[in-house]
Amino acid sequence: MQPVASQFLLLLAVSLPVLKAEAPVATPNPFVYDWHSLRVGGLIAAGILCTLGIIVLLSGKCKCKFNRKSSRRPQESPHLIVPGSASNC
């Protein structure tokens, strides 16, 4: 009778945690994003930056460097490498 009682206690000790277990609770996933709001916010930011860029270009405050004339004096010859001027030291 002793082995039957010890087996019953062992079975009871093993099965109690299983009987007490509950269904797992679904925790909210931290990696779920609101893609629609993210997309709309990005489009708004891109539109604002594009508009500001066009305003800056059309305002006339930004001078292009291509319109400037060369600062080199006309009598000064350009510094060119001519054949035979390089030495092999």
N, C-alpha and C. Protein backbone atom coordinates (compact mmCIF):
# COMPACT_ATOMS: atom_id res chain seq x y z
N MET A 1 0.82 -1.19 0.00
CA MET A 1 0.00 0.00 0.00
C MET A 1 0.87 1.25 0.00
N GLN A 2 2.00 1.13 0.53
CA GLN A 2 2.92 2.27 0.60
C GLN A 2 3.32 2.75 -0.80
N PRO A 3 3.67 1.90 -1.77
CA PRO A 3 4.04 2.39 -3.10
C PRO A 3 2.88 3.07 -3.81
N VAL A 4 1.66 2.63 -3.58
CA VAL A 4 0.51 3.25 -4.24
C VAL A 4 0.31 4.66 -3.70
N ALA A 5 0.47 4.87 -2.42
CA ALA A 5 0.30 6.19 -1.82
C ALA A 5 1.40 7.14 -2.28
N SER A 6 2.62 6.67 -2.36
CA SER A 6 3.71 7.54 -2.81
C SER A 6 3.55 7.90 -4.29
N GLN A 7 3.06 6.95 -5.08
CA GLN A 7 2.82 7.25 -6.49
C GLN A 7 1.69 8.28 -6.63
N PHE A 8 0.66 8.15 -5.79
CA PHE A 8 -0.44 9.10 -5.83
C PHE A 8 0.04 10.50 -5.45
N LEU A 9 0.86 10.61 -4.42
CA LEU A 9 1.39 11.91 -4.00
C LEU A 9 2.30 12.50 -5.09
N LEU A 10 3.09 11.64 -5.72
CA LEU A 10 3.97 12.11 -6.78
C LEU A 10 3.14 12.60 -7.97
N LEU A 11 2.10 11.86 -8.32
CA LEU A 11 1.22 12.27 -9.41
C LEU A 11 0.50 13.56 -9.07
N LEU A 12 0.07 13.72 -7.84
CA LEU A 12 -0.60 14.93 -7.39
C LEU A 12 0.36 16.13 -7.43
N ALA A 13 1.60 15.92 -7.00
CA ALA A 13 2.59 16.99 -6.98
C ALA A 13 2.94 17.44 -8.40
N VAL A 14 2.95 16.51 -9.34
CA VAL A 14 3.27 16.85 -10.73
C VAL A 14 2.09 17.52 -11.41
N SER A 15 0.87 17.09 -11.10
CA SER A 15 -0.30 17.59 -11.81
C SER A 15 -0.84 18.90 -11.25
N LEU A 16 -0.48 19.29 -10.04
CA LEU A 16 -0.99 20.54 -9.47
C LEU A 16 -0.57 21.77 -10.29
N PRO A 17 0.68 21.90 -10.67
CA PRO A 17 1.01 23.07 -11.49
C PRO A 17 0.29 23.07 -12.84
N VAL A 18 0.03 21.89 -13.38
CA VAL A 18 -0.68 21.83 -14.64
C VAL A 18 -2.12 22.26 -14.45
N LEU A 19 -2.76 21.87 -13.33
CA LEU A 19 -4.14 22.26 -13.06
C LEU A 19 -4.25 23.76 -12.77
N LYS A 20 -3.18 24.32 -12.20
CA LYS A 20 -3.21 25.73 -11.85
C LYS A 20 -2.86 26.63 -13.03
N ALA A 21 -2.32 26.08 -14.08
CA ALA A 21 -1.87 26.89 -15.21
C ALA A 21 -3.07 27.52 -15.90
N GLU A 22 -2.86 28.73 -16.33
CA GLU A 22 -3.90 29.46 -17.04
C GLU A 22 -3.47 29.67 -18.49
N ALA A 23 -4.42 30.07 -19.27
CA ALA A 23 -4.10 30.36 -20.67
C ALA A 23 -3.17 31.57 -20.73
N PRO A 24 -2.20 31.55 -21.60
CA PRO A 24 -1.28 32.69 -21.67
C PRO A 24 -2.00 33.96 -22.10
N VAL A 25 -1.63 35.04 -21.46
CA VAL A 25 -2.25 36.32 -21.76
C VAL A 25 -1.47 36.95 -22.91
N ALA A 26 -2.19 37.42 -23.89
CA ALA A 26 -1.54 38.03 -25.04
C ALA A 26 -1.04 39.42 -24.65
N THR A 27 0.27 39.58 -24.67
CA THR A 27 0.85 40.89 -24.36
C THR A 27 0.92 41.70 -25.65
N PRO A 28 0.76 42.98 -25.55
CA PRO A 28 0.82 43.79 -26.78
C PRO A 28 2.23 43.78 -27.35
N ASN A 29 2.32 43.62 -28.65
CA ASN A 29 3.60 43.57 -29.34
C ASN A 29 4.14 44.99 -29.48
N PRO A 30 5.36 45.27 -28.98
CA PRO A 30 5.88 46.63 -29.08
C PRO A 30 6.33 47.00 -30.50
N PHE A 31 6.35 46.04 -31.41
CA PHE A 31 6.81 46.31 -32.77
C PHE A 31 5.66 46.40 -33.76
N VAL A 32 4.51 46.82 -33.31
CA VAL A 32 3.37 47.03 -34.20
C VAL A 32 3.26 48.53 -34.39
N TYR A 33 3.33 48.97 -35.65
CA TYR A 33 3.33 50.39 -35.95
C TYR A 33 2.04 50.78 -36.68
N ASP A 34 1.73 52.04 -36.54
CA ASP A 34 0.60 52.61 -37.28
C ASP A 34 1.17 53.14 -38.60
N TRP A 35 1.19 52.28 -39.61
CA TRP A 35 1.85 52.62 -40.87
C TRP A 35 1.15 53.77 -41.58
N HIS A 36 -0.13 53.88 -41.47
CA HIS A 36 -0.85 54.96 -42.16
C HIS A 36 -0.42 56.32 -41.62
N SER A 37 -0.36 56.46 -40.32
CA SER A 37 0.06 57.74 -39.73
C SER A 37 1.51 58.05 -40.06
N LEU A 38 2.36 57.02 -40.08
CA LEU A 38 3.76 57.22 -40.41
C LEU A 38 3.91 57.69 -41.86
N ARG A 39 3.15 57.11 -42.76
CA ARG A 39 3.21 57.49 -44.16
C ARG A 39 2.68 58.91 -44.37
N VAL A 40 1.58 59.25 -43.73
CA VAL A 40 1.01 60.59 -43.87
C VAL A 40 1.97 61.63 -43.29
N GLY A 41 2.56 61.34 -42.15
CA GLY A 41 3.52 62.27 -41.55
C GLY A 41 4.74 62.48 -42.43
N GLY A 42 5.23 61.41 -43.05
CA GLY A 42 6.37 61.52 -43.96
C GLY A 42 6.04 62.34 -45.20
N LEU A 43 4.84 62.16 -45.74
CA LEU A 43 4.44 62.94 -46.91
C LEU A 43 4.28 64.42 -46.56
N ILE A 44 3.77 64.70 -45.39
CA ILE A 44 3.63 66.10 -44.96
C ILE A 44 5.01 66.74 -44.79
N ALA A 45 5.93 66.03 -44.14
CA ALA A 45 7.28 66.56 -43.95
C ALA A 45 7.97 66.77 -45.30
N ALA A 46 7.82 65.84 -46.23
CA ALA A 46 8.43 65.98 -47.56
C ALA A 46 7.84 67.16 -48.30
N GLY A 47 6.54 67.36 -48.20
CA GLY A 47 5.89 68.50 -48.86
C GLY A 47 6.37 69.83 -48.31
N ILE A 48 6.51 69.91 -46.99
CA ILE A 48 6.98 71.15 -46.37
C ILE A 48 8.42 71.45 -46.78
N LEU A 49 9.29 70.43 -46.75
CA LEU A 49 10.68 70.64 -47.15
C LEU A 49 10.81 71.02 -48.62
N CYS A 50 10.01 70.42 -49.48
CA CYS A 50 10.03 70.75 -50.90
C CYS A 50 9.57 72.18 -51.12
N THR A 51 8.52 72.59 -50.45
CA THR A 51 8.01 73.96 -50.57
C THR A 51 9.04 74.97 -50.07
N LEU A 52 9.69 74.68 -48.95
CA LEU A 52 10.72 75.58 -48.43
C LEU A 52 11.89 75.69 -49.40
N GLY A 53 12.27 74.60 -50.02
CA GLY A 53 13.35 74.63 -51.00
C GLY A 53 13.01 75.48 -52.20
N ILE A 54 11.80 75.36 -52.70
CA ILE A 54 11.38 76.18 -53.84
C ILE A 54 11.33 77.65 -53.46
N ILE A 55 10.85 77.95 -52.27
CA ILE A 55 10.80 79.34 -51.80
C ILE A 55 12.20 79.93 -51.70
N VAL A 56 13.16 79.18 -51.17
CA VAL A 56 14.53 79.67 -51.05
C VAL A 56 15.13 79.91 -52.42
N LEU A 57 14.90 79.00 -53.37
CA LEU A 57 15.45 79.18 -54.71
C LEU A 57 14.85 80.38 -55.43
N LEU A 58 13.57 80.61 -55.26
CA LEU A 58 12.90 81.70 -55.96
C LEU A 58 13.01 83.04 -55.23
N SER A 59 13.51 83.05 -54.02
CA SER A 59 13.57 84.30 -53.26
C SER A 59 14.66 85.24 -53.76
N GLY A 60 15.66 84.73 -54.45
CA GLY A 60 16.73 85.58 -54.96
C GLY A 60 17.84 85.81 -53.96
N LYS A 61 17.74 85.31 -52.78
CA LYS A 61 18.78 85.48 -51.78
C LYS A 61 19.95 84.54 -52.02
N CYS A 62 19.70 83.45 -52.69
CA CYS A 62 20.73 82.46 -52.96
C CYS A 62 21.36 82.77 -54.32
N LYS A 63 22.60 83.21 -54.32
CA LYS A 63 23.30 83.54 -55.56
C LYS A 63 24.08 82.33 -56.05
N CYS A 64 23.93 82.04 -57.31
CA CYS A 64 24.65 80.91 -57.89
C CYS A 64 26.09 81.30 -58.16
N LYS A 65 27.02 80.41 -57.95
CA LYS A 65 28.42 80.68 -58.18
C LYS A 65 28.76 80.62 -59.67
N PHE A 66 27.91 80.05 -60.47
CA PHE A 66 28.19 79.91 -61.89
C PHE A 66 28.06 81.25 -62.62
N ASN A 67 27.33 82.21 -62.09
CA ASN A 67 27.13 83.49 -62.74
C ASN A 67 28.30 84.44 -62.52
N ARG A 68 29.14 84.15 -61.57
CA ARG A 68 30.28 85.02 -61.28
C ARG A 68 31.33 84.87 -62.37
N LYS A 69 31.99 85.98 -62.65
CA LYS A 69 33.06 85.93 -63.63
C LYS A 69 34.33 85.47 -62.94
N SER A 70 35.26 85.02 -63.73
CA SER A 70 36.52 84.53 -63.19
C SER A 70 37.26 85.67 -62.51
N SER A 71 37.85 85.40 -61.37
CA SER A 71 38.57 86.42 -60.62
C SER A 71 39.99 86.61 -61.15
N ARG A 72 40.39 85.86 -62.14
CA ARG A 72 41.71 85.95 -62.72
C ARG A 72 41.81 87.20 -63.59
N ARG A 73 42.92 87.90 -63.48
CA ARG A 73 43.12 89.12 -64.26
C ARG A 73 43.40 88.74 -65.72
N PRO A 74 42.99 89.58 -66.66
CA PRO A 74 43.20 89.22 -68.08
C PRO A 74 44.67 89.15 -68.47
N GLN A 75 45.54 89.98 -67.90
CA GLN A 75 46.94 89.95 -68.28
C GLN A 75 47.67 88.76 -67.68
N GLU A 76 47.10 88.12 -66.68
CA GLU A 76 47.74 86.97 -66.04
C GLU A 76 47.47 85.73 -66.87
N SER A 77 48.53 85.04 -67.25
CA SER A 77 48.35 83.85 -68.07
C SER A 77 47.94 82.68 -67.18
N PRO A 78 47.19 81.75 -67.73
CA PRO A 78 46.80 80.59 -66.93
C PRO A 78 48.00 79.70 -66.64
N HIS A 79 47.98 79.07 -65.51
CA HIS A 79 49.06 78.19 -65.12
C HIS A 79 48.83 76.82 -65.75
N LEU A 80 49.56 76.59 -66.82
CA LEU A 80 49.42 75.31 -67.52
C LEU A 80 50.71 74.53 -67.42
N ILE A 81 50.59 73.25 -67.46
CA ILE A 81 51.77 72.39 -67.50
C ILE A 81 52.16 72.23 -68.96
N VAL A 82 53.35 72.65 -69.29
CA VAL A 82 53.81 72.55 -70.68
C VAL A 82 54.77 71.37 -70.79
N PRO A 83 54.87 70.77 -71.93
CA PRO A 83 55.78 69.65 -72.10
C PRO A 83 57.20 70.05 -71.83
N GLY A 84 57.91 69.25 -71.12
CA GLY A 84 59.31 69.49 -70.79
C GLY A 84 59.52 70.29 -69.51
N SER A 85 58.44 70.78 -68.90
CA SER A 85 58.62 71.56 -67.67
C SER A 85 58.74 70.68 -66.44
N ALA A 86 58.27 69.46 -66.55
CA ALA A 86 58.38 68.55 -65.40
C ALA A 86 59.76 67.91 -65.42
N SER A 87 60.33 67.79 -64.24
CA SER A 87 61.65 67.20 -64.17
C SER A 87 61.57 65.85 -63.47
N ASN A 88 62.43 64.95 -63.87
CA ASN A 88 62.50 63.63 -63.25
C ASN A 88 63.62 63.63 -62.23
N CYS A 89 63.34 63.94 -61.02
CA CYS A 89 64.37 63.98 -59.97
C CYS A 89 64.46 62.65 -59.29
